[in-house]
């Protein structure tokens, strides 16, 4: 049993290394496109100050300010979180309340 699992893991690693080296016949790549969110517009739509928006959604106020001023841009999971907040803010609030 352990040997079978080990062999499957090794096969997967070899496929991943081959793919990284350009052999696309051994795997597939999936990219998720997440649209940009106008954070200031989103925050104002919800009627929240920067501080309240940040606190409500588990962000730092400084991060929200930097995003709105264009100093920094949300990446990775933050972009996804903002997209979900934009579409379903109540669902995010319910999930964060536990």
PDB file of N, CA and C in Angstrom:
ATOM      1  N   UNK A   1       0.836  -1.201   0.000  1.00  0.00           N
ATOM      2  CA  UNK A   1       0.000   0.000   0.000  1.00  0.00           C
ATOM      3  C   UNK A   1       0.868   1.248   0.000  1.00  0.00           C
ATOM      4  N   UNK A   2       1.850   1.301   0.909  1.00  0.00           N
ATOM      5  CA  UNK A   2       2.719   2.469   0.985  1.00  0.00           C
ATOM      6  C   UNK A   2       3.533   2.620  -0.291  1.00  0.00           C
ATOM      7  N   UNK A   3       3.954   1.504  -0.870  1.00  0.00           N
ATOM      8  CA  UNK A   3       4.752   1.555  -2.106  1.00  0.00           C
ATOM      9  C   UNK A   3       3.917   2.118  -3.269  1.00  0.00           C
ATOM     10  N   UNK A   4       2.665   1.740  -3.321  1.00  0.00           N
ATOM     11  CA  UNK A   4       1.777   2.246  -4.385  1.00  0.00           C
ATOM     12  C   UNK A   4       1.603   3.753  -4.231  1.00  0.00           C
ATOM     13  N   UNK A   5       1.377   4.213  -3.013  1.00  0.00           N
ATOM     14  CA  UNK A   5       1.230   5.649  -2.765  1.00  0.00           C
ATOM     15  C   UNK A   5       2.507   6.389  -3.131  1.00  0.00           C
ATOM     16  N   UNK A   6       3.648   5.816  -2.730  1.00  0.00           N
ATOM     17  CA  UNK A   6       4.937   6.434  -3.049  1.00  0.00           C
ATOM     18  C   UNK A   6       5.127   6.545  -4.561  1.00  0.00           C
ATOM     19  N   UNK A   7       4.814   5.476  -5.286  1.00  0.00           N
ATOM     20  CA  UNK A   7       4.975   5.490  -6.745  1.00  0.00           C
ATOM     21  C   UNK A   7       4.081   6.548  -7.396  1.00  0.00           C
ATOM     22  N   UNK A   8       2.859   6.693  -6.906  1.00  0.00           N
ATOM     23  CA  UNK A   8       1.949   7.707  -7.461  1.00  0.00           C
ATOM     24  C   UNK A   8       2.468   9.120  -7.193  1.00  0.00           C
ATOM     25  N   UNK A   9       2.991   9.325  -5.998  1.00  0.00           N
ATOM     26  CA  UNK A   9       3.540  10.635  -5.655  1.00  0.00           C
ATOM     27  C   UNK A   9       4.750  10.939  -6.531  1.00  0.00           C
ATOM     28  N   UNK A  10       5.612   9.965  -6.716  1.00  0.00           N
ATOM     29  CA  UNK A  10       6.801  10.156  -7.563  1.00  0.00           C
ATOM     30  C   UNK A  10       6.407  10.438  -9.012  1.00  0.00           C
ATOM     31  N   UNK A  11       5.403   9.705  -9.514  1.00  0.00           N
ATOM     32  CA  UNK A  11       4.921   9.963 -10.876  1.00  0.00           C
ATOM     33  C   UNK A  11       4.436  11.400 -11.006  1.00  0.00           C
ATOM     34  N   UNK A  12       3.691  11.856 -10.015  1.00  0.00           N
ATOM     35  CA  UNK A  12       3.192  13.229 -10.043  1.00  0.00           C
ATOM     36  C   UNK A  12       4.316  14.245 -10.004  1.00  0.00           C
ATOM     37  N   UNK A  13       5.316  14.000  -9.175  1.00  0.00           N
ATOM     38  CA  UNK A  13       6.467  14.912  -9.111  1.00  0.00           C
ATOM     39  C   UNK A  13       7.226  14.941 -10.431  1.00  0.00           C
ATOM     40  N   UNK A  14       7.406  13.776 -11.039  1.00  0.00           N
ATOM     41  CA  UNK A  14       8.098  13.724 -12.328  1.00  0.00           C
ATOM     42  C   UNK A  14       7.309  14.463 -13.400  1.00  0.00           C
ATOM     43  N   UNK A  15       5.985  14.307 -13.383  1.00  0.00           N
ATOM     44  CA  UNK A  15       5.138  15.050 -14.326  1.00  0.00           C
ATOM     45  C   UNK A  15       5.262  16.555 -14.101  1.00  0.00           C
ATOM     46  N   UNK A  16       5.249  16.975 -12.834  1.00  0.00           N
ATOM     47  CA  UNK A  16       5.354  18.406 -12.514  1.00  0.00           C
ATOM     48  C   UNK A  16       6.693  18.968 -12.978  1.00  0.00           C
ATOM     49  N   UNK A  17       7.771  18.230 -12.737  1.00  0.00           N
ATOM     50  CA  UNK A  17       9.095  18.692 -13.175  1.00  0.00           C
ATOM     51  C   UNK A  17       9.187  18.758 -14.697  1.00  0.00           C
ATOM     52  N   UNK A  18       8.633  17.762 -15.361  1.00  0.00           N
ATOM     53  CA  UNK A  18       8.644  17.767 -16.827  1.00  0.00           C
ATOM     54  C   UNK A  18       7.846  18.955 -17.353  1.00  0.00           C
ATOM     55  N   UNK A  19       6.699  19.221 -16.747  1.00  0.00           N
ATOM     56  CA  UNK A  19       5.867  20.351 -17.170  1.00  0.00           C
ATOM     57  C   UNK A  19       6.621  21.661 -16.963  1.00  0.00           C
ATOM     58  N   UNK A  20       7.294  21.779 -15.820  1.00  0.00           N
ATOM     59  CA  UNK A  20       8.067  22.993 -15.535  1.00  0.00           C
ATOM     60  C   UNK A  20       9.189  23.186 -16.544  1.00  0.00           C
ATOM     61  N   UNK A  21       9.694  22.080 -17.096  1.00  0.00           N
ATOM     62  CA  UNK A  21      10.753  22.150 -18.104  1.00  0.00           C
ATOM     63  C   UNK A  21      10.211  22.325 -19.519  1.00  0.00           C
ATOM     64  N   UNK A  22       8.888  22.438 -19.650  1.00  0.00           N
ATOM     65  CA  UNK A  22       8.306  22.726 -20.958  1.00  0.00           C
ATOM     66  C   UNK A  22       7.586  21.576 -21.616  1.00  0.00           C
ATOM     67  N   UNK A  23       7.572  20.398 -21.012  1.00  0.00           N
ATOM     68  CA  UNK A  23       6.865  19.251 -21.589  1.00  0.00           C
ATOM     69  C   UNK A  23       5.393  19.338 -21.193  1.00  0.00           C
ATOM     70  N   UNK A  24       4.596  20.021 -22.006  1.00  0.00           N
ATOM     71  CA  UNK A  24       3.186  20.244 -21.672  1.00  0.00           C
ATOM     72  C   UNK A  24       2.319  19.017 -21.931  1.00  0.00           C
ATOM     73  N   UNK A  25       2.902  17.941 -22.450  1.00  0.00           N
ATOM     74  CA  UNK A  25       2.119  16.726 -22.685  1.00  0.00           C
ATOM     75  C   UNK A  25       1.851  15.972 -21.388  1.00  0.00           C
ATOM     76  N   UNK A  26       2.532  16.346 -20.309  1.00  0.00           N
ATOM     77  CA  UNK A  26       2.411  15.598 -19.048  1.00  0.00           C
ATOM     78  C   UNK A  26       1.605  16.336 -17.986  1.00  0.00           C
ATOM     79  N   UNK A  27       0.877  17.352 -18.370  1.00  0.00           N
ATOM     80  CA  UNK A  27       0.076  18.063 -17.381  1.00  0.00           C
ATOM     81  C   UNK A  27      -0.684  19.204 -18.007  1.00  0.00           C
ATOM     82  N   UNK A  28      -1.505  19.835 -17.197  1.00  0.00           N
ATOM     83  CA  UNK A  28      -2.280  20.988 -17.641  1.00  0.00           C
ATOM     84  C   UNK A  28      -2.147  22.103 -16.632  1.00  0.00           C
ATOM     85  N   UNK A  29      -2.239  23.297 -17.122  1.00  0.00           N
ATOM     86  CA  UNK A  29      -2.199  24.466 -16.261  1.00  0.00           C
ATOM     87  C   UNK A  29      -3.543  25.177 -16.331  1.00  0.00           C
ATOM     88  N   UNK A  30      -4.050  25.572 -15.179  1.00  0.00           N
ATOM     89  CA  UNK A  30      -5.314  26.304 -15.125  1.00  0.00           C
ATOM     90  C   UNK A  30      -5.056  27.642 -14.461  1.00  0.00           C
ATOM     91  N   UNK A  31      -5.518  28.700 -15.093  1.00  0.00           N
ATOM     92  CA  UNK A  31      -5.392  30.021 -14.498  1.00  0.00           C
ATOM     93  C   UNK A  31      -6.775  30.616 -14.309  1.00  0.00           C
ATOM     94  N   UNK A  32      -6.993  31.152 -13.143  1.00  0.00           N
ATOM     95  CA  UNK A  32      -8.264  31.789 -12.836  1.00  0.00           C
ATOM     96  C   UNK A  32      -8.089  33.288 -13.016  1.00  0.00           C
ATOM     97  N   UNK A  33      -8.941  33.873 -13.814  1.00  0.00           N
ATOM     98  CA  UNK A  33      -8.901  35.320 -14.036  1.00  0.00           C
ATOM     99  C   UNK A  33      -9.845  35.982 -13.035  1.00  0.00           C
ATOM    100  N   UNK A  34      -9.298  36.891 -12.251  1.00  0.00           N
ATOM    101  CA  UNK A  34     -10.095  37.620 -11.269  1.00  0.00           C
ATOM    102  C   UNK A  34     -10.049  39.093 -11.660  1.00  0.00           C
ATOM    103  N   UNK A  35     -11.215  39.646 -11.910  1.00  0.00           N
ATOM    104  CA  UNK A  35     -11.298  41.044 -12.330  1.00  0.00           C
ATOM    105  C   UNK A  35     -10.841  41.980 -11.213  1.00  0.00           C
ATOM    106  N   UNK A  36     -10.347  43.135 -11.608  1.00  0.00           N
ATOM    107  CA  UNK A  36      -9.997  44.160 -10.627  1.00  0.00           C
ATOM    108  C   UNK A  36     -11.264  44.696  -9.980  1.00  0.00           C
ATOM    109  N   UNK A  37     -11.149  45.050  -8.712  1.00  0.00           N
ATOM    110  CA  UNK A  37     -12.262  45.649  -7.979  1.00  0.00           C
ATOM    111  C   UNK A  37     -11.856  47.058  -7.589  1.00  0.00           C
ATOM    112  N   UNK A  38     -12.725  48.028  -7.844  1.00  0.00           N
ATOM    113  CA  UNK A  38     -12.497  49.400  -7.407  1.00  0.00           C
ATOM    114  C   UNK A  38     -12.833  49.442  -5.916  1.00  0.00           C
ATOM    115  N   UNK A  39     -11.807  49.365  -5.102  1.00  0.00           N
ATOM    116  CA  UNK A  39     -12.001  49.231  -3.663  1.00  0.00           C
ATOM    117  C   UNK A  39     -12.736  50.424  -3.070  1.00  0.00           C
ATOM    118  N   UNK A  40     -12.390  51.618  -3.500  1.00  0.00           N
ATOM    119  CA  UNK A  40     -13.056  52.805  -2.957  1.00  0.00           C
ATOM    120  C   UNK A  40     -14.549  52.767  -3.296  1.00  0.00           C
ATOM    121  N   UNK A  41     -14.862  52.427  -4.526  1.00  0.00           N
ATOM    122  CA  UNK A  41     -16.269  52.345  -4.936  1.00  0.00           C
ATOM    123  C   UNK A  41     -16.993  51.261  -4.135  1.00  0.00           C
ATOM    124  N   UNK A  42     -16.357  50.113  -3.969  1.00  0.00           N
ATOM    125  CA  UNK A  42     -16.944  49.025  -3.193  1.00  0.00           C
ATOM    126  C   UNK A  42     -17.199  49.461  -1.749  1.00  0.00           C
ATOM    127  N   UNK A  43     -16.206  50.066  -1.147  1.00  0.00           N
ATOM    128  CA  UNK A  43     -16.321  50.508   0.249  1.00  0.00           C
ATOM    129  C   UNK A  43     -17.443  51.534   0.392  1.00  0.00           C
ATOM    130  N   UNK A  44     -17.483  52.497  -0.530  1.00  0.00           N
ATOM    131  CA  UNK A  44     -18.527  53.529  -0.475  1.00  0.00           C
ATOM    132  C   UNK A  44     -19.907  52.934  -0.739  1.00  0.00           C
ATOM    133  N   UNK A  45     -19.979  51.950  -1.626  1.00  0.00           N
ATOM    134  CA  UNK A  45     -21.248  51.278  -1.907  1.00  0.00           C
ATOM    135  C   UNK A  45     -21.796  50.614  -0.642  1.00  0.00           C
ATOM    136  N   UNK A  46     -20.877  50.113   0.195  1.00  0.00           N
ATOM    137  CA  UNK A  46     -21.282  49.483   1.450  1.00  0.00           C
ATOM    138  C   UNK A  46     -21.486  50.493   2.574  1.00  0.00           C
ATOM    139  N   UNK A  47     -21.153  51.767   2.296  1.00  0.00           N
ATOM    140  CA  UNK A  47     -21.336  52.821   3.292  1.00  0.00           C
ATOM    141  C   UNK A  47     -20.366  52.727   4.454  1.00  0.00           C
ATOM    142  N   UNK A  48     -19.137  52.294   4.173  1.00  0.00           N
ATOM    143  CA  UNK A  48     -18.157  52.094   5.237  1.00  0.00           C
ATOM    144  C   UNK A  48     -16.955  53.013   5.075  1.00  0.00           C
ATOM    145  N   UNK A  49     -16.418  53.448   6.198  1.00  0.00           N
ATOM    146  CA  UNK A  49     -15.147  54.178   6.178  1.00  0.00           C
ATOM    147  C   UNK A  49     -14.037  53.172   5.907  1.00  0.00           C
ATOM    148  N   UNK A  50     -12.854  53.679   5.607  1.00  0.00           N
ATOM    149  CA  UNK A  50     -11.721  52.779   5.394  1.00  0.00           C
ATOM    150  C   UNK A  50     -11.471  51.920   6.628  1.00  0.00           C
ATOM    151  N   UNK A  51     -11.498  52.550   7.796  1.00  0.00           N
ATOM    152  CA  UNK A  51     -11.246  51.814   9.034  1.00  0.00           C
ATOM    153  C   UNK A  51     -12.296  50.727   9.278  1.00  0.00           C
ATOM    154  N   UNK A  52     -13.576  51.051   9.055  1.00  0.00           N
ATOM    155  CA  UNK A  52     -14.636  50.078   9.295  1.00  0.00           C
ATOM    156  C   UNK A  52     -14.593  48.951   8.261  1.00  0.00           C
ATOM    157  N   UNK A  53     -14.329  49.297   7.005  1.00  0.00           N
ATOM    158  CA  UNK A  53     -14.202  48.279   5.955  1.00  0.00           C
ATOM    159  C   UNK A  53     -13.081  47.311   6.310  1.00  0.00           C
ATOM    160  N   UNK A  54     -11.941  47.866   6.702  1.00  0.00           N
ATOM    161  CA  UNK A  54     -10.784  47.041   7.047  1.00  0.00           C
ATOM    162  C   UNK A  54     -11.107  46.123   8.219  1.00  0.00           C
ATOM    163  N   UNK A  55     -11.684  46.670   9.263  1.00  0.00           N
ATOM    164  CA  UNK A  55     -11.988  45.878  10.453  1.00  0.00           C
ATOM    165  C   UNK A  55     -13.017  44.784  10.154  1.00  0.00           C
ATOM    166  N   UNK A  56     -14.021  45.124   9.375  1.00  0.00           N
ATOM    167  CA  UNK A  56     -15.102  44.186   9.076  1.00  0.00           C
ATOM    168  C   UNK A  56     -14.613  42.980   8.284  1.00  0.00           C
ATOM    169  N   UNK A  57     -13.648  43.216   7.382  1.00  0.00           N
ATOM    170  CA  UNK A  57     -13.210  42.139   6.504  1.00  0.00           C
ATOM    171  C   UNK A  57     -11.805  41.622   6.811  1.00  0.00           C
ATOM    172  N   UNK A  58     -11.296  41.958   7.978  1.00  0.00           N
ATOM    173  CA  UNK A  58     -10.022  41.395   8.414  1.00  0.00           C
ATOM    174  C   UNK A  58      -8.798  41.923   7.691  1.00  0.00           C
ATOM    175  N   UNK A  59      -8.860  43.174   7.296  1.00  0.00           N
ATOM    176  CA  UNK A  59      -7.740  43.818   6.610  1.00  0.00           C
ATOM    177  C   UNK A  59      -7.179  44.914   7.498  1.00  0.00           C
ATOM    178  N   UNK A  60      -5.986  45.362   7.187  1.00  0.00           N
ATOM    179  CA  UNK A  60      -5.474  46.520   7.920  1.00  0.00           C
ATOM    180  C   UNK A  60      -5.959  47.786   7.212  1.00  0.00           C
ATOM    181  N   UNK A  61      -6.215  48.815   8.004  1.00  0.00           N
ATOM    182  CA  UNK A  61      -6.654  50.094   7.427  1.00  0.00           C
ATOM    183  C   UNK A  61      -5.579  50.637   6.489  1.00  0.00           C
ATOM    184  N   UNK A  62      -4.341  50.438   6.843  1.00  0.00           N
ATOM    185  CA  UNK A  62      -3.228  50.911   6.000  1.00  0.00           C
ATOM    186  C   UNK A  62      -3.260  50.229   4.628  1.00  0.00           C
ATOM    187  N   UNK A  63      -3.546  48.941   4.625  1.00  0.00           N
ATOM    188  CA  UNK A  63      -3.635  48.210   3.353  1.00  0.00           C
ATOM    189  C   UNK A  63      -4.748  48.779   2.488  1.00  0.00           C
ATOM    190  N   UNK A  64      -5.911  49.017   3.088  1.00  0.00           N
ATOM    191  CA  UNK A  64      -7.037  49.578   2.334  1.00  0.00           C
ATOM    192  C   UNK A  64      -6.663  50.946   1.770  1.00  0.00           C
ATOM    193  N   UNK A  65      -6.031  51.792   2.584  1.00  0.00           N
ATOM    194  CA  UNK A  65      -5.601  53.118   2.106  1.00  0.00           C
ATOM    195  C   UNK A  65      -4.618  52.982   0.943  1.00  0.00           C
ATOM    196  N   UNK A  66      -3.647  52.089   1.088  1.00  0.00           N
ATOM    197  CA  UNK A  66      -2.657  51.898   0.021  1.00  0.00           C
ATOM    198  C   UNK A  66      -3.304  51.416  -1.268  1.00  0.00           C
ATOM    199  N   UNK A  67      -4.284  50.522  -1.166  1.00  0.00           N
ATOM    200  CA  UNK A  67      -4.985  50.062  -2.354  1.00  0.00           C
ATOM    201  C   UNK A  67      -5.742  51.205  -3.011  1.00  0.00           C
ATOM    202  N   UNK A  68      -6.449  51.975  -2.211  1.00  0.00           N
ATOM    203  CA  UNK A  68      -7.258  53.064  -2.775  1.00  0.00           C
ATOM    204  C   UNK A  68      -6.394  54.148  -3.398  1.00  0.00           C
ATOM    205  N   UNK A  69      -5.222  54.390  -2.835  1.00  0.00           N
ATOM    206  CA  UNK A  69      -4.329  55.431  -3.358  1.00  0.00           C
ATOM    207  C   UNK A  69      -3.443  54.914  -4.485  1.00  0.00           C
ATOM    208  N   UNK A  70      -3.524  53.640  -4.795  1.00  0.00           N
ATOM    209  CA  UNK A  70      -2.722  53.070  -5.866  1.00  0.00           C
ATOM    210  C   UNK A  70      -1.269  52.819  -5.494  1.00  0.00           C
ATOM    211  N   UNK A  71      -0.958  52.930  -4.205  1.00  0.00           N
ATOM    212  CA  UNK A  71       0.403  52.663  -3.738  1.00  0.00           C
ATOM    213  C   UNK A  71       0.704  51.178  -3.897  1.00  0.00           C
ATOM    214  N   UNK A  72      -0.290  50.357  -3.603  1.00  0.00           N
ATOM    215  CA  UNK A  72      -0.182  48.903  -3.739  1.00  0.00           C
ATOM    216  C   UNK A  72      -1.448  48.400  -4.417  1.00  0.00           C
ATOM    217  N   UNK A  73      -1.375  47.173  -4.883  1.00  0.00           N
ATOM    218  CA  UNK A  73      -2.530  46.562  -5.540  1.00  0.00           C
ATOM    219  C   UNK A  73      -2.788  45.193  -4.922  1.00  0.00           C
ATOM    220  N   UNK A  74      -4.050  44.862  -4.683  1.00  0.00           N
ATOM    221  CA  UNK A  74      -4.347  43.561  -4.095  1.00  0.00           C
ATOM    222  C   UNK A  74      -3.899  42.434  -5.028  1.00  0.00           C
ATOM    223  N   UNK A  75      -3.377  41.380  -4.434  1.00  0.00           N
ATOM    224  CA  UNK A  75      -2.911  40.235  -5.204  1.00  0.00           C
ATOM    225  C   UNK A  75      -3.458  38.952  -4.602  1.00  0.00           C
ATOM    226  N   UNK A  76      -3.440  37.904  -5.369  1.00  0.00           N
ATOM    227  CA  UNK A  76      -3.772  36.568  -4.897  1.00  0.00           C
ATOM    228  C   UNK A  76      -5.090  36.492  -4.157  1.00  0.00           C
ATOM    229  N   UNK A  77      -5.066  35.922  -2.961  1.00  0.00           N
ATOM    230  CA  UNK A  77      -6.302  35.732  -2.196  1.00  0.00           C
ATOM    231  C   UNK A  77      -7.037  37.036  -1.890  1.00  0.00           C
ATOM    232  N   UNK A  78      -6.311  38.130  -1.745  1.00  0.00           N
ATOM    233  CA  UNK A  78      -6.965  39.418  -1.461  1.00  0.00           C
ATOM    234  C   UNK A  78      -7.853  39.829  -2.631  1.00  0.00           C
ATOM    235  N   UNK A  79      -7.393  39.586  -3.860  1.00  0.00           N
ATOM    236  CA  UNK A  79      -8.210  39.917  -5.041  1.00  0.00           C
ATOM    237  C   UNK A  79      -9.492  39.092  -5.046  1.00  0.00           C
ATOM    238  N   UNK A  80      -9.368  37.834  -4.691  1.00  0.00           N
ATOM    239  CA  UNK A  80     -10.538  36.956  -4.664  1.00  0.00           C
ATOM    240  C   UNK A  80     -11.497  37.401  -3.560  1.00  0.00           C
ATOM    241  N   UNK A  81     -10.954  37.692  -2.374  1.00  0.00           N
ATOM    242  CA  UNK A  81     -11.794  38.168  -1.273  1.00  0.00           C
ATOM    243  C   UNK A  81     -12.558  39.422  -1.690  1.00  0.00           C
ATOM    244  N   UNK A  82     -11.886  40.372  -2.303  1.00  0.00           N
ATOM    245  CA  UNK A  82     -12.552  41.610  -2.726  1.00  0.00           C
ATOM    246  C   UNK A  82     -13.636  41.340  -3.769  1.00  0.00           C
ATOM    247  N   UNK A  83     -13.388  40.395  -4.663  1.00  0.00           N
ATOM    248  CA  UNK A  83     -14.384  40.036  -5.671  1.00  0.00           C
ATOM    249  C   UNK A  83     -15.633  39.449  -4.992  1.00  0.00           C
ATOM    250  N   UNK A  84     -15.428  38.599  -3.998  1.00  0.00           N
ATOM    251  CA  UNK A  84     -16.562  38.002  -3.287  1.00  0.00           C
ATOM    252  C   UNK A  84     -17.289  39.064  -2.470  1.00  0.00           C
ATOM    253  N   UNK A  85     -16.538  39.942  -1.815  1.00  0.00           N
ATOM    254  CA  UNK A  85     -17.167  41.041  -1.069  1.00  0.00           C
ATOM    255  C   UNK A  85     -18.018  41.883  -2.005  1.00  0.00           C
ATOM    256  N   UNK A  86     -17.513  42.145  -3.200  1.00  0.00           N
ATOM    257  CA  UNK A  86     -18.249  42.958  -4.170  1.00  0.00           C
ATOM    258  C   UNK A  86     -19.562  42.289  -4.576  1.00  0.00           C
ATOM    259  N   UNK A  87     -19.539  40.977  -4.741  1.00  0.00           N
ATOM    260  CA  UNK A  87     -20.725  40.267  -5.215  1.00  0.00           C
ATOM    261  C   UNK A  87     -21.650  39.812  -4.083  1.00  0.00           C
ATOM    262  N   UNK A  88     -21.068  39.390  -2.964  1.00  0.00           N
ATOM    263  CA  UNK A  88     -21.861  38.828  -1.871  1.00  0.00           C
ATOM    264  C   UNK A  88     -21.338  39.292  -0.507  1.00  0.00           C
ATOM    265  N   UNK A  89     -21.405  40.593  -0.217  1.00  0.00           N
ATOM    266  CA  UNK A  89     -20.833  41.078   1.045  1.00  0.00           C
ATOM    267  C   UNK A  89     -21.462  40.438   2.277  1.00  0.00           C
ATOM    268  N   UNK A  90     -22.762  40.168   2.223  1.00  0.00           N
ATOM    269  CA  UNK A  90     -23.422  39.574   3.391  1.00  0.00           C
ATOM    270  C   UNK A  90     -22.883  38.176   3.666  1.00  0.00           C
ATOM    271  N   UNK A  91     -22.604  37.407   2.610  1.00  0.00           N
ATOM    272  CA  UNK A  91     -22.064  36.055   2.791  1.00  0.00           C
ATOM    273  C   UNK A  91     -20.709  36.098   3.466  1.00  0.00           C
ATOM    274  N   UNK A  92     -19.874  37.045   3.067  1.00  0.00           N
ATOM    275  CA  UNK A  92     -18.552  37.171   3.683  1.00  0.00           C
ATOM    276  C   UNK A  92     -18.706  37.575   5.138  1.00  0.00           C
ATOM    277  N   UNK A  93     -19.584  38.511   5.418  1.00  0.00           N
ATOM    278  CA  UNK A  93     -19.790  38.953   6.805  1.00  0.00           C
ATOM    279  C   UNK A  93     -20.294  37.798   7.668  1.00  0.00           C
ATOM    280  N   UNK A  94     -21.224  36.985   7.133  1.00  0.00           N
ATOM    281  CA  UNK A  94     -21.726  35.832   7.888  1.00  0.00           C
ATOM    282  C   UNK A  94     -20.600  34.831   8.146  1.00  0.00           C
ATOM    283  N   UNK A  95     -19.786  34.592   7.136  1.00  0.00           N
ATOM    284  CA  UNK A  95     -18.691  33.622   7.279  1.00  0.00           C
ATOM    285  C   UNK A  95     -17.661  34.103   8.301  1.00  0.00           C
ATOM    286  N   UNK A  96     -17.390  35.382   8.315  1.00  0.00           N
ATOM    287  CA  UNK A  96     -16.382  35.914   9.241  1.00  0.00           C
ATOM    288  C   UNK A  96     -16.917  35.990  10.674  1.00  0.00           C
ATOM    289  N   UNK A  97     -18.211  36.093  10.821  1.00  0.00           N
ATOM    290  CA  UNK A  97     -18.793  36.122  12.167  1.00  0.00           C
ATOM    291  C   UNK A  97     -18.724  34.751  12.828  1.00  0.00           C
ATOM    292  N   UNK A  98     -18.610  33.695  12.007  1.00  0.00           N
ATOM    293  CA  UNK A  98     -18.506  32.336  12.553  1.00  0.00           C
ATOM    294  C   UNK A  98     -19.808  31.841  13.023  1.00  0.00           C
TER     295      UNK A  98
END
